């Protein structure tokens, strides 16, 4: 692993900036922090401010998108009656 790649994995994003980028509120982040089922990356506190590791946020977003796709595919099969033929 290159040094540049290691540095990229350590990139931190402040919660206010991340909230703006993702279109969520800081209150959503607080709720997700208190609910381990969300899988939202935990904050790193630096001088009383919350930061997140970019690599962890990217992985969370990817998992969330894949979960939505799988849920949509399941709903589509059920709506079409495709699940009736499966055991």
PDB file of N, CA and C in Angstrom:
ATOM      1  N   UNK A   1       0.840  -1.176   0.000  1.00  0.00           N
ATOM      2  CA  UNK A   1       0.000   0.000   0.000  1.00  0.00           C
ATOM      3  C   UNK A   1       0.885   1.240   0.000  1.00  0.00           C
ATOM      4  N   UNK A   2       0.580   2.173  -0.868  1.00  0.00           N
ATOM      5  CA  UNK A   2       1.397   3.381  -0.970  1.00  0.00           C
ATOM      6  C   UNK A   2       1.070   4.348   0.164  1.00  0.00           C
ATOM      7  N   UNK A   3       2.008   5.236   0.420  1.00  0.00           N
ATOM      8  CA  UNK A   3       1.812   6.245   1.461  1.00  0.00           C
ATOM      9  C   UNK A   3       0.646   7.155   1.112  1.00  0.00           C
ATOM     10  N   UNK A   4       0.511   7.509  -0.165  1.00  0.00           N
ATOM     11  CA  UNK A   4      -0.596   8.374  -0.591  1.00  0.00           C
ATOM     12  C   UNK A   4      -1.938   7.699  -0.309  1.00  0.00           C
ATOM     13  N   UNK A   5      -2.021   6.389  -0.557  1.00  0.00           N
ATOM     14  CA  UNK A   5      -3.268   5.662  -0.296  1.00  0.00           C
ATOM     15  C   UNK A   5      -3.570   5.639   1.202  1.00  0.00           C
ATOM     16  N   UNK A   6      -2.546   5.469   2.019  1.00  0.00           N
ATOM     17  CA  UNK A   6      -2.729   5.473   3.464  1.00  0.00           C
ATOM     18  C   UNK A   6      -3.234   6.836   3.939  1.00  0.00           C
ATOM     19  N   UNK A   7      -2.722   7.894   3.367  1.00  0.00           N
ATOM     20  CA  UNK A   7      -3.157   9.239   3.741  1.00  0.00           C
ATOM     21  C   UNK A   7      -4.602   9.450   3.322  1.00  0.00           C
ATOM     22  N   UNK A   8      -4.979   8.990   2.127  1.00  0.00           N
ATOM     23  CA  UNK A   8      -6.363   9.115   1.670  1.00  0.00           C
ATOM     24  C   UNK A   8      -7.321   8.420   2.635  1.00  0.00           C
ATOM     25  N   UNK A   9      -6.925   7.264   3.161  1.00  0.00           N
ATOM     26  CA  UNK A   9      -7.778   6.528   4.080  1.00  0.00           C
ATOM     27  C   UNK A   9      -7.946   7.250   5.409  1.00  0.00           C
ATOM     28  N   UNK A  10      -7.051   8.181   5.726  1.00  0.00           N
ATOM     29  CA  UNK A  10      -7.122   8.913   6.976  1.00  0.00           C
ATOM     30  C   UNK A  10      -7.805  10.273   6.827  1.00  0.00           C
ATOM     31  N   UNK A  11      -8.206  10.615   5.614  1.00  0.00           N
ATOM     32  CA  UNK A  11      -8.830  11.916   5.388  1.00  0.00           C
ATOM     33  C   UNK A  11     -10.065  12.067   6.263  1.00  0.00           C
ATOM     34  N   UNK A  12     -10.137  13.182   6.957  1.00  0.00           N
ATOM     35  CA  UNK A  12     -11.259  13.464   7.840  1.00  0.00           C
ATOM     36  C   UNK A  12     -12.127  14.559   7.244  1.00  0.00           C
ATOM     37  N   UNK A  13     -13.429  14.438   7.486  1.00  0.00           N
ATOM     38  CA  UNK A  13     -14.377  15.453   7.042  1.00  0.00           C
ATOM     39  C   UNK A  13     -15.164  15.907   8.262  1.00  0.00           C
ATOM     40  N   UNK A  14     -15.241  17.213   8.470  1.00  0.00           N
ATOM     41  CA  UNK A  14     -16.023  17.761   9.568  1.00  0.00           C
ATOM     42  C   UNK A  14     -17.507  17.492   9.329  1.00  0.00           C
ATOM     43  N   UNK A  15     -18.230  17.187  10.399  1.00  0.00           N
ATOM     44  CA  UNK A  15     -19.655  16.873  10.269  1.00  0.00           C
ATOM     45  C   UNK A  15     -20.462  17.938   9.529  1.00  0.00           C
ATOM     46  N   UNK A  16     -20.280  19.242   9.810  1.00  0.00           N
ATOM     47  CA  UNK A  16     -21.074  20.230   9.067  1.00  0.00           C
ATOM     48  C   UNK A  16     -20.836  20.162   7.552  1.00  0.00           C
ATOM     49  N   UNK A  17     -19.585  19.969   7.149  1.00  0.00           N
ATOM     50  CA  UNK A  17     -19.272  19.869   5.718  1.00  0.00           C
ATOM     51  C   UNK A  17     -19.875  18.593   5.136  1.00  0.00           C
ATOM     52  N   UNK A  18     -19.755  17.485   5.870  1.00  0.00           N
ATOM     53  CA  UNK A  18     -20.305  16.212   5.399  1.00  0.00           C
ATOM     54  C   UNK A  18     -21.827  16.278   5.292  1.00  0.00           C
ATOM     55  N   UNK A  19     -22.466  16.902   6.272  1.00  0.00           N
ATOM     56  CA  UNK A  19     -23.924  17.039   6.236  1.00  0.00           C
ATOM     57  C   UNK A  19     -24.361  17.816   4.991  1.00  0.00           C
ATOM     58  N   UNK A  20     -23.641  18.860   4.686  1.00  0.00           N
ATOM     59  CA  UNK A  20     -23.972  19.667   3.506  1.00  0.00           C
ATOM     60  C   UNK A  20     -23.763  18.861   2.220  1.00  0.00           C
ATOM     61  N   UNK A  21     -22.655  18.111   2.152  1.00  0.00           N
ATOM     62  CA  UNK A  21     -22.371  17.308   0.966  1.00  0.00           C
ATOM     63  C   UNK A  21     -23.426  16.228   0.727  1.00  0.00           C
ATOM     64  N   UNK A  22     -23.873  15.598   1.817  1.00  0.00           N
ATOM     65  CA  UNK A  22     -24.815  14.480   1.705  1.00  0.00           C
ATOM     66  C   UNK A  22     -26.279  14.911   1.706  1.00  0.00           C
ATOM     67  N   UNK A  23     -26.542  16.149   2.141  1.00  0.00           N
ATOM     68  CA  UNK A  23     -27.917  16.624   2.189  1.00  0.00           C
ATOM     69  C   UNK A  23     -28.689  16.128   3.407  1.00  0.00           C
ATOM     70  N   UNK A  24     -27.973  15.851   4.497  1.00  0.00           N
ATOM     71  CA  UNK A  24     -28.598  15.435   5.748  1.00  0.00           C
ATOM     72  C   UNK A  24     -28.351  16.510   6.795  1.00  0.00           C
ATOM     73  N   UNK A  25     -29.133  16.463   7.863  1.00  0.00           N
ATOM     74  CA  UNK A  25     -28.924  17.417   8.947  1.00  0.00           C
ATOM     75  C   UNK A  25     -27.943  16.851   9.972  1.00  0.00           C
ATOM     76  N   UNK A  26     -27.365  17.738  10.750  1.00  0.00           N
ATOM     77  CA  UNK A  26     -26.502  17.301  11.839  1.00  0.00           C
ATOM     78  C   UNK A  26     -27.295  16.492  12.861  1.00  0.00           C
ATOM     79  N   UNK A  27     -28.570  16.794  12.994  1.00  0.00           N
ATOM     80  CA  UNK A  27     -29.430  16.028  13.910  1.00  0.00           C
ATOM     81  C   UNK A  27     -29.538  14.572  13.438  1.00  0.00           C
ATOM     82  N   UNK A  28     -29.594  14.358  12.132  1.00  0.00           N
ATOM     83  CA  UNK A  28     -29.613  12.983  11.602  1.00  0.00           C
ATOM     84  C   UNK A  28     -28.350  12.249  12.022  1.00  0.00           C
ATOM     85  N   UNK A  29     -27.216  12.927  11.933  1.00  0.00           N
ATOM     86  CA  UNK A  29     -25.959  12.305  12.342  1.00  0.00           C
ATOM     87  C   UNK A  29     -26.023  11.897  13.810  1.00  0.00           C
ATOM     88  N   UNK A  30     -26.561  12.774  14.662  1.00  0.00           N
ATOM     89  CA  UNK A  30     -26.665  12.475  16.093  1.00  0.00           C
ATOM     90  C   UNK A  30     -27.565  11.259  16.323  1.00  0.00           C
ATOM     91  N   UNK A  31     -28.674  11.177  15.600  1.00  0.00           N
ATOM     92  CA  UNK A  31     -29.565  10.011  15.731  1.00  0.00           C
ATOM     93  C   UNK A  31     -28.851   8.742  15.292  1.00  0.00           C
ATOM     94  N   UNK A  32     -28.149   8.817  14.170  1.00  0.00           N
ATOM     95  CA  UNK A  32     -27.444   7.634  13.665  1.00  0.00           C
ATOM     96  C   UNK A  32     -26.328   7.217  14.609  1.00  0.00           C
ATOM     97  N   UNK A  33     -25.675   8.180  15.234  1.00  0.00           N
ATOM     98  CA  UNK A  33     -24.618   7.872  16.202  1.00  0.00           C
ATOM     99  C   UNK A  33     -25.172   7.086  17.386  1.00  0.00           C
ATOM    100  N   UNK A  34     -26.424   7.353  17.741  1.00  0.00           N
ATOM    101  CA  UNK A  34     -27.048   6.691  18.884  1.00  0.00           C
ATOM    102  C   UNK A  34     -27.741   5.384  18.525  1.00  0.00           C
ATOM    103  N   UNK A  35     -27.762   5.035  17.244  1.00  0.00           N
ATOM    104  CA  UNK A  35     -28.411   3.796  16.797  1.00  0.00           C
ATOM    105  C   UNK A  35     -27.386   2.928  16.076  1.00  0.00           C
ATOM    106  N   UNK A  36     -26.861   1.904  16.761  1.00  0.00           N
ATOM    107  CA  UNK A  36     -25.821   1.068  16.140  1.00  0.00           C
ATOM    108  C   UNK A  36     -26.307   0.299  14.910  1.00  0.00           C
ATOM    109  N   UNK A  37     -27.613   0.175  14.732  1.00  0.00           N
ATOM    110  CA  UNK A  37     -28.141  -0.548  13.568  1.00  0.00           C
ATOM    111  C   UNK A  37     -27.935   0.200  12.252  1.00  0.00           C
ATOM    112  N   UNK A  38     -27.664   1.500  12.329  1.00  0.00           N
ATOM    113  CA  UNK A  38     -27.464   2.267  11.100  1.00  0.00           C
ATOM    114  C   UNK A  38     -26.116   1.977  10.454  1.00  0.00           C
ATOM    115  N   UNK A  39     -25.144   1.586  11.267  1.00  0.00           N
ATOM    116  CA  UNK A  39     -23.805   1.340  10.743  1.00  0.00           C
ATOM    117  C   UNK A  39     -23.062   2.609  10.376  1.00  0.00           C
ATOM    118  N   UNK A  40     -23.616   3.767  10.761  1.00  0.00           N
ATOM    119  CA  UNK A  40     -22.973   5.040  10.433  1.00  0.00           C
ATOM    120  C   UNK A  40     -21.623   5.126  11.149  1.00  0.00           C
ATOM    121  N   UNK A  41     -20.588   5.543  10.436  1.00  0.00           N
ATOM    122  CA  UNK A  41     -19.253   5.608  11.051  1.00  0.00           C
ATOM    123  C   UNK A  41     -19.232   6.500  12.295  1.00  0.00           C
ATOM    124  N   UNK A  42     -18.569   6.051  13.335  1.00  0.00           N
ATOM    125  CA  UNK A  42     -18.514   6.858  14.559  1.00  0.00           C
ATOM    126  C   UNK A  42     -17.669   8.110  14.352  1.00  0.00           C
ATOM    127  N   UNK A  43     -17.999   9.159  15.104  1.00  0.00           N
ATOM    128  CA  UNK A  43     -17.223  10.389  14.961  1.00  0.00           C
ATOM    129  C   UNK A  43     -15.900  10.302  15.704  1.00  0.00           C
ATOM    130  N   UNK A  44     -14.970  11.086  15.231  1.00  0.00           N
ATOM    131  CA  UNK A  44     -13.722  11.318  15.947  1.00  0.00           C
ATOM    132  C   UNK A  44     -13.831  12.726  16.511  1.00  0.00           C
ATOM    133  N   UNK A  45     -13.690  12.868  17.806  1.00  0.00           N
ATOM    134  CA  UNK A  45     -13.779  14.182  18.443  1.00  0.00           C
ATOM    135  C   UNK A  45     -12.395  14.821  18.458  1.00  0.00           C
ATOM    136  N   UNK A  46     -12.310  15.993  17.855  1.00  0.00           N
ATOM    137  CA  UNK A  46     -11.068  16.760  17.852  1.00  0.00           C
ATOM    138  C   UNK A  46     -11.439  18.185  18.263  1.00  0.00           C
ATOM    139  N   UNK A  47     -10.893  18.618  19.391  1.00  0.00           N
ATOM    140  CA  UNK A  47     -11.194  19.947  19.927  1.00  0.00           C
ATOM    141  C   UNK A  47     -12.702  20.186  20.035  1.00  0.00           C
ATOM    142  N   UNK A  48     -13.441  19.150  20.453  1.00  0.00           N
ATOM    143  CA  UNK A  48     -14.881  19.292  20.665  1.00  0.00           C
ATOM    144  C   UNK A  48     -15.720  19.238  19.398  1.00  0.00           C
ATOM    145  N   UNK A  49     -15.096  18.972  18.272  1.00  0.00           N
ATOM    146  CA  UNK A  49     -15.832  18.909  16.998  1.00  0.00           C
ATOM    147  C   UNK A  49     -15.802  17.488  16.458  1.00  0.00           C
ATOM    148  N   UNK A  50     -16.875  17.117  15.770  1.00  0.00           N
ATOM    149  CA  UNK A  50     -16.965  15.778  15.196  1.00  0.00           C
ATOM    150  C   UNK A  50     -16.444  15.749  13.760  1.00  0.00           C
ATOM    151  N   UNK A  51     -15.637  14.741  13.503  1.00  0.00           N
ATOM    152  CA  UNK A  51     -15.118  14.464  12.168  1.00  0.00           C
ATOM    153  C   UNK A  51     -15.377  12.990  11.862  1.00  0.00           C
ATOM    154  N   UNK A  52     -15.450  12.650  10.580  1.00  0.00           N
ATOM    155  CA  UNK A  52     -15.613  11.260  10.158  1.00  0.00           C
ATOM    156  C   UNK A  52     -14.504  10.932   9.171  1.00  0.00           C
ATOM    157  N   UNK A  53     -14.094   9.667   9.174  1.00  0.00           N
ATOM    158  CA  UNK A  53     -13.117   9.211   8.176  1.00  0.00           C
ATOM    159  C   UNK A  53     -13.845   9.053   6.841  1.00  0.00           C
ATOM    160  N   UNK A  54     -13.285   9.681   5.830  1.00  0.00           N
ATOM    161  CA  UNK A  54     -13.928   9.659   4.516  1.00  0.00           C
ATOM    162  C   UNK A  54     -14.103   8.234   3.993  1.00  0.00           C
ATOM    163  N   UNK A  55     -13.092   7.387   4.158  1.00  0.00           N
ATOM    164  CA  UNK A  55     -13.176   6.011   3.662  1.00  0.00           C
ATOM    165  C   UNK A  55     -14.327   5.260   4.326  1.00  0.00           C
ATOM    166  N   UNK A  56     -14.557   5.512   5.624  1.00  0.00           N
ATOM    167  CA  UNK A  56     -15.651   4.844   6.329  1.00  0.00           C
ATOM    168  C   UNK A  56     -17.008   5.352   5.856  1.00  0.00           C
ATOM    169  N   UNK A  57     -17.101   6.650   5.601  1.00  0.00           N
ATOM    170  CA  UNK A  57     -18.351   7.227   5.094  1.00  0.00           C
ATOM    171  C   UNK A  57     -18.639   6.683   3.699  1.00  0.00           C
ATOM    172  N   UNK A  58     -17.614   6.616   2.857  1.00  0.00           N
ATOM    173  CA  UNK A  58     -17.790   6.080   1.505  1.00  0.00           C
ATOM    174  C   UNK A  58     -18.276   4.629   1.558  1.00  0.00           C
ATOM    175  N   UNK A  59     -17.705   3.826   2.448  1.00  0.00           N
ATOM    176  CA  UNK A  59     -18.126   2.424   2.585  1.00  0.00           C
ATOM    177  C   UNK A  59     -19.565   2.342   3.083  1.00  0.00           C
ATOM    178  N   UNK A  60     -19.946   3.214   4.012  1.00  0.00           N
ATOM    179  CA  UNK A  60     -21.309   3.242   4.535  1.00  0.00           C
ATOM    180  C   UNK A  60     -22.305   3.610   3.431  1.00  0.00           C
ATOM    181  N   UNK A  61     -21.947   4.608   2.635  1.00  0.00           N
ATOM    182  CA  UNK A  61     -22.823   5.008   1.532  1.00  0.00           C
ATOM    183  C   UNK A  61     -22.988   3.882   0.525  1.00  0.00           C
ATOM    184  N   UNK A  62     -21.904   3.201   0.219  1.00  0.00           N
ATOM    185  CA  UNK A  62     -21.959   2.098  -0.733  1.00  0.00           C
ATOM    186  C   UNK A  62     -22.849   0.974  -0.196  1.00  0.00           C
ATOM    187  N   UNK A  63     -22.681   0.611   1.065  1.00  0.00           N
ATOM    188  CA  UNK A  63     -23.497  -0.446   1.674  1.00  0.00           C
ATOM    189  C   UNK A  63     -24.965  -0.042   1.701  1.00  0.00           C
ATOM    190  N   UNK A  64     -25.216   1.216   1.984  1.00  0.00           N
ATOM    191  CA  UNK A  64     -26.596   1.723   2.029  1.00  0.00           C
ATOM    192  C   UNK A  64     -27.233   1.664   0.640  1.00  0.00           C
ATOM    193  N   UNK A  65     -26.463   2.032  -0.380  1.00  0.00           N
ATOM    194  CA  UNK A  65     -26.987   1.983  -1.753  1.00  0.00           C
ATOM    195  C   UNK A  65     -27.253   0.549  -2.176  1.00  0.00           C
ATOM    196  N   UNK A  66     -26.345  -0.362  -1.849  1.00  0.00           N
ATOM    197  CA  UNK A  66     -26.545  -1.769  -2.204  1.00  0.00           C
ATOM    198  C   UNK A  66     -27.744  -2.348  -1.479  1.00  0.00           C
ATOM    199  N   UNK A  67     -27.928  -1.963  -0.223  1.00  0.00           N
ATOM    200  CA  UNK A  67     -29.090  -2.425   0.535  1.00  0.00           C
ATOM    201  C   UNK A  67     -30.383  -1.947  -0.083  1.00  0.00           C
ATOM    202  N   UNK A  68     -30.408  -0.713  -0.563  1.00  0.00           N
ATOM    203  CA  UNK A  68     -31.602  -0.170  -1.215  1.00  0.00           C
ATOM    204  C   UNK A  68     -31.890  -0.904  -2.514  1.00  0.00           C
ATOM    205  N   UNK A  69     -30.839  -1.215  -3.261  1.00  0.00           N
ATOM    206  CA  UNK A  69     -31.028  -1.937  -4.515  1.00  0.00           C
ATOM    207  C   UNK A  69     -31.585  -3.336  -4.264  1.00  0.00           C
ATOM    208  N   UNK A  70     -31.058  -4.016  -3.245  1.00  0.00           N
ATOM    209  CA  UNK A  70     -31.532  -5.355  -2.915  1.00  0.00           C
ATOM    210  C   UNK A  70     -32.982  -5.313  -2.447  1.00  0.00           C
ATOM    211  N   UNK A  71     -33.322  -4.328  -1.631  1.00  0.00           N
ATOM    212  CA  UNK A  71     -34.693  -4.203  -1.142  1.00  0.00           C
ATOM    213  C   UNK A  71     -35.641  -3.923  -2.290  1.00  0.00           C
ATOM    214  N   UNK A  72     -35.216  -3.088  -3.225  1.00  0.00           N
ATOM    215  CA  UNK A  72     -36.049  -2.786  -4.392  1.00  0.00           C
ATOM    216  C   UNK A  72     -36.250  -3.997  -5.276  1.00  0.00           C
ATOM    217  N   UNK A  73     -35.218  -4.804  -5.427  1.00  0.00           N
ATOM    218  CA  UNK A  73     -35.325  -6.015  -6.241  1.00  0.00           C
ATOM    219  C   UNK A  73     -36.283  -7.000  -5.593  1.00  0.00           C
ATOM    220  N   UNK A  74     -36.246  -7.119  -4.278  1.00  0.00           N
ATOM    221  CA  UNK A  74     -37.141  -8.023  -3.564  1.00  0.00           C
ATOM    222  C   UNK A  74     -38.577  -7.561  -3.690  1.00  0.00           C
ATOM    223  N   UNK A  75     -38.805  -6.269  -3.556  1.00  0.00           N
ATOM    224  CA  UNK A  75     -40.159  -5.726  -3.691  1.00  0.00           C
ATOM    225  C   UNK A  75     -40.678  -5.950  -5.108  1.00  0.00           C
ATOM    226  N   UNK A  76     -39.817  -5.780  -6.093  1.00  0.00           N
ATOM    227  CA  UNK A  76     -40.224  -5.971  -7.488  1.00  0.00           C
ATOM    228  C   UNK A  76     -40.641  -7.406  -7.767  1.00  0.00           C
ATOM    229  N   UNK A  77     -39.908  -8.364  -7.229  1.00  0.00           N
ATOM    230  CA  UNK A  77     -40.260  -9.778  -7.423  1.00  0.00           C
ATOM    231  C   UNK A  77     -41.586 -10.095  -6.757  1.00  0.00           C
ATOM    232  N   UNK A  78     -41.799  -9.566  -5.558  1.00  0.00           N
ATOM    233  CA  UNK A  78     -43.035  -9.843  -4.837  1.00  0.00           C
ATOM    234  C   UNK A  78     -44.222  -9.234  -5.573  1.00  0.00           C
ATOM    235  N   UNK A  79     -44.053  -8.054  -6.121  1.00  0.00           N
ATOM    236  CA  UNK A  79     -45.131  -7.397  -6.845  1.00  0.00           C
ATOM    237  C   UNK A  79     -45.495  -8.150  -8.123  1.00  0.00           C
ATOM    238  N   UNK A  80     -44.501  -8.785  -8.730  1.00  0.00           N
ATOM    239  CA  UNK A  80     -44.729  -9.530  -9.968  1.00  0.00           C
ATOM    240  C   UNK A  80     -45.158 -10.962  -9.712  1.00  0.00           C
ATOM    241  N   UNK A  81     -45.172 -11.383  -8.466  1.00  0.00           N
ATOM    242  CA  UNK A  81     -45.549 -12.752  -8.154  1.00  0.00           C
ATOM    243  C   UNK A  81     -44.434 -13.747  -8.377  1.00  0.00           C
ATOM    244  N   UNK A  82     -43.203 -13.254  -8.607  1.00  0.00           N
ATOM    245  CA  UNK A  82     -42.075 -14.146  -8.869  1.00  0.00           C
ATOM    246  C   UNK A  82     -41.718 -14.993  -7.658  1.00  0.00           C
ATOM    247  N   UNK A  83     -41.974 -14.497  -6.449  1.00  0.00           N
ATOM    248  CA  UNK A  83     -41.615 -15.255  -5.249  1.00  0.00           C
ATOM    249  C   UNK A  83     -42.495 -16.482  -5.061  1.00  0.00           C
ATOM    250  N   UNK A  84     -43.653 -16.507  -5.689  1.00  0.00           N
ATOM    251  CA  UNK A  84     -44.562 -17.644  -5.520  1.00  0.00           C
ATOM    252  C   UNK A  84     -43.953 -18.934  -6.059  1.00  0.00           C
ATOM    253  N   UNK A  85     -43.105 -18.833  -7.070  1.00  0.00           N
ATOM    254  CA  UNK A  85     -42.511 -20.027  -7.670  1.00  0.00           C
ATOM    255  C   UNK A  85     -41.286 -20.500  -6.896  1.00  0.00           C
ATOM    256  N   UNK A  86     -40.807 -19.706  -5.968  1.00  0.00           N
ATOM    257  CA  UNK A  86     -39.608 -20.076  -5.207  1.00  0.00           C
ATOM    258  C   UNK A  86     -39.996 -20.766  -3.912  1.00  0.00           C
ATOM    259  N   UNK A  87     -39.198 -21.726  -3.485  1.00  0.00           N
ATOM    260  CA  UNK A  87     -39.497 -22.432  -2.225  1.00  0.00           C
ATOM    261  C   UNK A  87     -39.326 -21.555  -1.021  1.00  0.00           C
TER     262      UNK A  87
END
